Amino acid sequence: MSPLNKSHSVPLLCYVTDRRGLAAAKPAEERQMVLGKIAAAVAAGVDWIQIREKDLSGRESSMLTREAAQLLPDSAARKGVHQRILVNDRLDVGLAAQAGGVHLGEQSLPPEEARRLVRSLQRENDFLIGVSCHSLEAAKNAEQKDADYLFFGPVFATPSKAKYGAPQGLQRLGEVCRAVGLPVLAIGGITLENAAACFSAGAAGIAAIRLFQDAPDVAALVSGLRKLSI
């Protein structure tokens, strides 16, 4: 049974990493800088860290995931929806590196197949399977295929999601949130100023790269986001 449910007293916050977006001169510096960003996000109380470094090899991704996981509090405090590391797309890396879940794209391994592999390793109770969706049909399909949660977007305009077309908007976000029984996290152009509108539309949380990665004070940002749901 999934440790998630659709309703939460506070919104889920997910920092999606992008080390190439950091001002580093060398690959080694990128690695240390992104680990520093992850450490700051964890300390500030961000719930999930999604390792989204698609250019890394399996070995490199596994090493980064393990290092990120070491920054979390004791694993006993990470049950349910508490802090965890998610790996983008690479189920093999997520399982091998003892991550807290995998986040799949619409064209990735089907969630029901990922579920089968997770069950075979007896990890189902502590391993989340999420799916990125860009339409109502895709969201319903992901729910039917045993996903634990969804990302829906881009809700607002953002360079990192431009290839997915025009922004979906708050109305479509609300339609998706009402149509599925899974937690839906809004993604794409999320800011402190528009996050409240996402929660009002029914989103269980938000996911973002720049919102967290570029924040001068992540703790203040997280505090502000938490207050929006009160």
Protein backbone atom coordinates (compact mmCIF):
# COMPACT_ATOMS: atom_id res chain seq x y z
CA MET A 1 0.00 0.00 0.00
CA SER A 2 1.28 3.46 -0.90
CA PRO A 3 2.31 5.63 2.07
CA LEU A 4 0.69 8.61 0.33
CA ASN A 5 -2.85 9.89 0.32
CA LYS A 6 -4.45 12.76 -1.53
CA SER A 7 -5.00 15.06 1.45
CA HIS A 8 -2.21 16.63 3.49
CA SER A 9 -2.26 19.22 6.25
CA VAL A 10 0.76 20.88 4.61
CA PRO A 11 1.77 20.86 0.94
CA LEU A 12 4.42 18.51 -0.40
CA LEU A 13 7.49 20.38 -1.60
CA CYS A 14 9.87 18.84 -4.13
CA TYR A 15 13.19 20.28 -5.25
CA VAL A 16 14.16 18.98 -8.69
CA THR A 17 17.92 19.23 -9.18
CA ASP A 18 19.72 20.70 -12.18
CA ARG A 19 23.43 20.95 -11.51
CA ARG A 20 24.05 22.31 -15.02
CA GLY A 21 22.02 25.34 -14.06
CA LEU A 22 24.56 26.25 -11.38
CA ALA A 23 27.41 28.64 -12.06
CA ALA A 24 30.25 26.14 -11.82
CA ALA A 25 33.44 26.09 -13.87
CA LYS A 26 34.14 22.36 -13.59
CA PRO A 27 32.05 19.14 -13.29
CA ALA A 28 33.48 18.48 -9.82
CA GLU A 29 32.30 21.91 -8.72
CA GLU A 30 28.82 21.23 -10.13
CA ARG A 31 28.60 18.09 -8.03
CA GLN A 32 29.59 19.82 -4.83
CA MET A 33 27.33 22.77 -5.52
CA VAL A 34 24.26 20.64 -6.14
CA LEU A 35 24.98 18.60 -3.01
CA GLY A 36 25.16 21.90 -1.14
CA LYS A 37 21.77 22.90 -2.56
CA ILE A 38 20.33 19.51 -1.55
CA ALA A 39 21.73 19.88 1.98
CA ALA A 40 20.16 23.33 2.29
CA ALA A 41 16.81 22.06 1.01
CA VAL A 42 16.84 19.12 3.43
CA ALA A 43 17.75 21.37 6.36
CA ALA A 44 14.93 23.74 5.39
CA GLY A 45 12.38 20.92 5.45
CA VAL A 46 11.80 20.29 1.72
CA ASP A 47 10.01 16.93 1.57
CA TRP A 48 11.42 15.39 -1.59
CA ILE A 49 14.61 15.86 -3.57
CA GLN A 50 14.37 14.55 -7.13
CA ILE A 51 17.78 13.80 -8.64
CA ARG A 52 17.22 14.85 -12.25
CA GLU A 53 20.64 14.69 -13.87
CA LYS A 54 19.89 12.90 -17.14
CA ASP A 55 23.39 13.20 -18.60
CA LEU A 56 25.03 11.21 -15.80
CA SER A 57 25.95 7.55 -16.26
CA GLY A 58 24.26 4.96 -14.07
CA ARG A 59 27.34 4.78 -11.87
CA GLU A 60 27.60 8.56 -11.50
CA SER A 61 23.88 8.89 -10.83
CA SER A 62 24.04 6.15 -8.22
CA MET A 63 26.96 7.85 -6.45
CA LEU A 64 25.17 11.20 -6.40
CA THR A 65 21.98 9.57 -5.11
CA ARG A 66 23.82 7.82 -2.30
CA GLU A 67 25.60 11.03 -1.31
CA ALA A 68 22.29 12.90 -1.33
CA ALA A 69 20.65 10.22 0.79
CA GLN A 70 23.37 10.62 3.40
CA LEU A 71 22.18 14.19 3.88
CA LEU A 72 18.75 13.06 5.07
CA PRO A 73 17.84 12.55 8.73
CA ASP A 74 17.74 9.06 10.14
CA SER A 75 15.68 6.76 7.87
CA ALA A 76 13.28 6.02 10.74
CA ALA A 77 12.09 9.62 10.49
CA ARG A 78 11.36 9.30 6.75
CA LYS A 79 8.33 7.04 6.83
CA GLY A 80 5.14 8.14 5.13
CA VAL A 81 5.54 11.38 3.22
CA HIS A 82 8.61 12.66 5.05
CA GLN A 83 11.91 13.55 3.45
CA ARG A 84 13.20 11.24 0.76
CA ILE A 85 15.35 11.12 -2.36
CA LEU A 86 13.67 10.36 -5.69
CA VAL A 87 15.57 9.43 -8.85
CA ASN A 88 14.38 10.68 -12.22
CA ASP A 89 13.65 7.90 -14.71
CA ARG A 90 16.34 5.43 -13.57
CA LEU A 91 14.52 2.77 -11.58
CA ASP A 92 17.67 0.65 -11.52
CA VAL A 93 19.61 3.47 -9.88
CA GLY A 94 16.83 4.24 -7.42
CA LEU A 95 16.64 0.65 -6.23
CA ALA A 96 20.39 0.04 -6.18
CA ALA A 97 21.13 3.28 -4.33
CA GLN A 98 18.34 2.70 -1.77
CA ALA A 99 16.49 5.85 -2.81
CA GLY A 100 12.96 6.59 -1.65
CA GLY A 101 11.39 6.39 -5.08
CA VAL A 102 11.57 6.90 -8.83
CA HIS A 103 9.97 9.59 -10.96
CA LEU A 104 8.98 8.44 -14.46
CA GLY A 105 8.28 10.45 -17.59
CA GLU A 106 5.30 9.73 -19.85
CA GLN A 107 7.61 7.83 -22.20
CA SER A 108 9.55 6.01 -19.48
CA LEU A 109 9.06 2.52 -18.08
CA PRO A 110 5.31 2.05 -17.40
CA PRO A 111 4.51 2.50 -13.70
CA GLU A 112 2.88 -0.93 -13.45
CA GLU A 113 6.12 -2.55 -14.65
CA ALA A 114 8.12 -0.47 -12.18
CA ARG A 115 5.69 -1.60 -9.46
CA ARG A 116 6.25 -5.24 -10.37
CA LEU A 117 10.02 -4.85 -10.00
CA VAL A 118 9.68 -2.96 -6.72
CA ARG A 119 7.41 -5.66 -5.31
CA SER A 120 9.87 -8.37 -6.34
CA LEU A 121 12.46 -6.70 -4.12
CA GLN A 122 9.97 -6.20 -1.26
CA ARG A 123 10.43 -2.42 -1.36
CA GLU A 124 6.81 -1.45 -1.98
CA ASN A 125 6.11 -0.03 1.47
CA ASP A 126 8.90 2.54 1.31
CA PHE A 127 9.42 3.23 -2.40
CA LEU A 128 7.31 5.74 -4.31
CA ILE A 129 6.56 5.64 -8.03
CA GLY A 130 5.63 8.97 -9.56
CA VAL A 131 4.77 9.98 -13.13
CA SER A 132 4.96 13.26 -15.03
CA CYS A 133 1.73 14.01 -16.89
CA HIS A 134 0.86 16.74 -19.39
CA SER A 135 -2.81 15.96 -20.01
CA LEU A 136 -5.91 14.76 -18.19
CA GLU A 137 -5.85 11.51 -20.14
CA ALA A 138 -2.24 10.83 -19.15
CA ALA A 139 -3.04 11.53 -15.50
CA LYS A 140 -5.94 9.08 -15.49
CA ASN A 141 -3.80 6.49 -17.25
CA ALA A 142 -0.98 6.84 -14.72
CA GLU A 143 -3.44 6.35 -11.87
CA GLN A 144 -4.83 3.21 -13.50
CA LYS A 145 -1.31 1.89 -13.95
CA ASP A 146 -0.46 2.04 -10.24
CA ALA A 147 1.42 5.31 -9.78
CA ASP A 148 1.67 6.75 -6.25
CA TYR A 149 1.62 10.42 -7.22
CA LEU A 150 1.67 12.70 -10.28
CA PHE A 151 3.45 15.80 -11.48
CA PHE A 152 1.21 17.91 -13.73
CA GLY A 153 2.37 20.79 -15.86
CA PRO A 154 3.75 23.00 -17.00
CA VAL A 155 1.19 25.04 -15.11
CA PHE A 156 2.93 28.34 -15.88
CA ALA A 157 5.49 29.35 -18.50
CA THR A 158 9.02 28.12 -17.78
CA PRO A 159 12.10 27.53 -19.99
CA SER A 160 12.73 24.01 -18.64
CA LYS A 161 9.26 22.82 -19.76
CA ALA A 162 8.95 24.74 -23.04
CA LYS A 163 9.17 21.52 -25.11
CA TYR A 164 5.87 20.38 -23.57
CA GLY A 165 3.99 23.21 -25.20
CA ALA A 166 1.95 26.11 -23.87
CA PRO A 167 1.31 26.35 -20.12
CA GLN A 168 -1.58 24.17 -18.91
CA GLY A 169 -2.93 26.80 -16.55
CA LEU A 170 -4.71 26.59 -13.23
CA GLN A 171 -8.04 25.45 -14.69
CA ARG A 172 -6.54 22.30 -16.18
CA LEU A 173 -4.55 21.69 -13.01
CA GLY A 174 -7.82 21.79 -11.08
CA GLU A 175 -9.48 19.39 -13.55
CA VAL A 176 -6.69 16.87 -13.08
CA CYS A 177 -6.71 17.19 -9.29
CA ARG A 178 -10.46 16.55 -9.21
CA ALA A 179 -10.29 13.66 -11.69
CA VAL A 180 -7.72 11.47 -9.93
CA GLY A 181 -7.41 10.10 -6.44
CA LEU A 182 -3.63 10.54 -6.30
CA PRO A 183 -1.67 13.47 -4.90
CA VAL A 184 -0.88 15.88 -7.74
CA LEU A 185 2.12 18.19 -7.56
CA ALA A 186 2.06 21.27 -9.80
CA ILE A 187 5.23 21.93 -11.78
CA GLY A 188 6.35 24.55 -14.26
CA GLY A 189 7.00 28.19 -13.46
CA ILE A 190 6.06 27.86 -9.80
CA THR A 191 6.86 30.86 -7.61
CA LEU A 192 6.08 31.91 -4.07
CA GLU A 193 3.54 34.31 -5.56
CA ASN A 194 1.56 31.73 -7.57
CA ALA A 195 1.95 28.65 -5.39
CA ALA A 196 -1.17 29.47 -3.35
CA ALA A 197 -3.26 29.40 -6.51
CA CYS A 198 -1.96 25.88 -7.21
CA PHE A 199 -2.99 24.72 -3.75
CA SER A 200 -6.40 26.34 -4.18
CA ALA A 201 -6.80 24.42 -7.44
CA GLY A 202 -6.34 21.18 -5.53
CA ALA A 203 -2.61 20.48 -5.86
CA ALA A 204 -1.16 18.48 -2.98
CA GLY A 205 2.15 20.21 -3.48
CA ILE A 206 4.59 21.80 -5.87
CA ALA A 207 7.79 20.75 -7.62
CA ALA A 208 10.38 23.14 -8.99
CA ILE A 209 13.97 23.58 -10.02
CA ARG A 210 14.75 27.29 -9.87
CA LEU A 211 12.35 28.14 -7.06
CA PHE A 212 14.48 26.13 -4.64
CA GLN A 213 17.83 26.09 -6.40
CA ASP A 214 18.06 29.87 -6.85
CA ALA A 215 16.53 30.84 -3.52
CA PRO A 216 18.93 33.00 -1.46
CA ASP A 217 17.28 31.68 1.73
CA VAL A 218 15.64 28.27 1.28
CA ALA A 219 14.46 28.13 4.88
CA ALA A 220 12.56 31.42 4.48
CA LEU A 221 11.12 30.19 1.19
CA VAL A 222 9.88 26.93 2.73
CA SER A 223 8.40 28.82 5.68
CA GLY A 224 6.55 31.08 3.28
CA LEU A 225 5.22 28.17 1.24
CA ARG A 226 4.04 26.35 4.37
CA LYS A 227 2.10 29.40 5.50
CA LEU A 228 0.16 29.46 2.24
CA SER A 229 -1.70 26.30 3.22
CA ILE A 230 -2.76 27.49 6.67
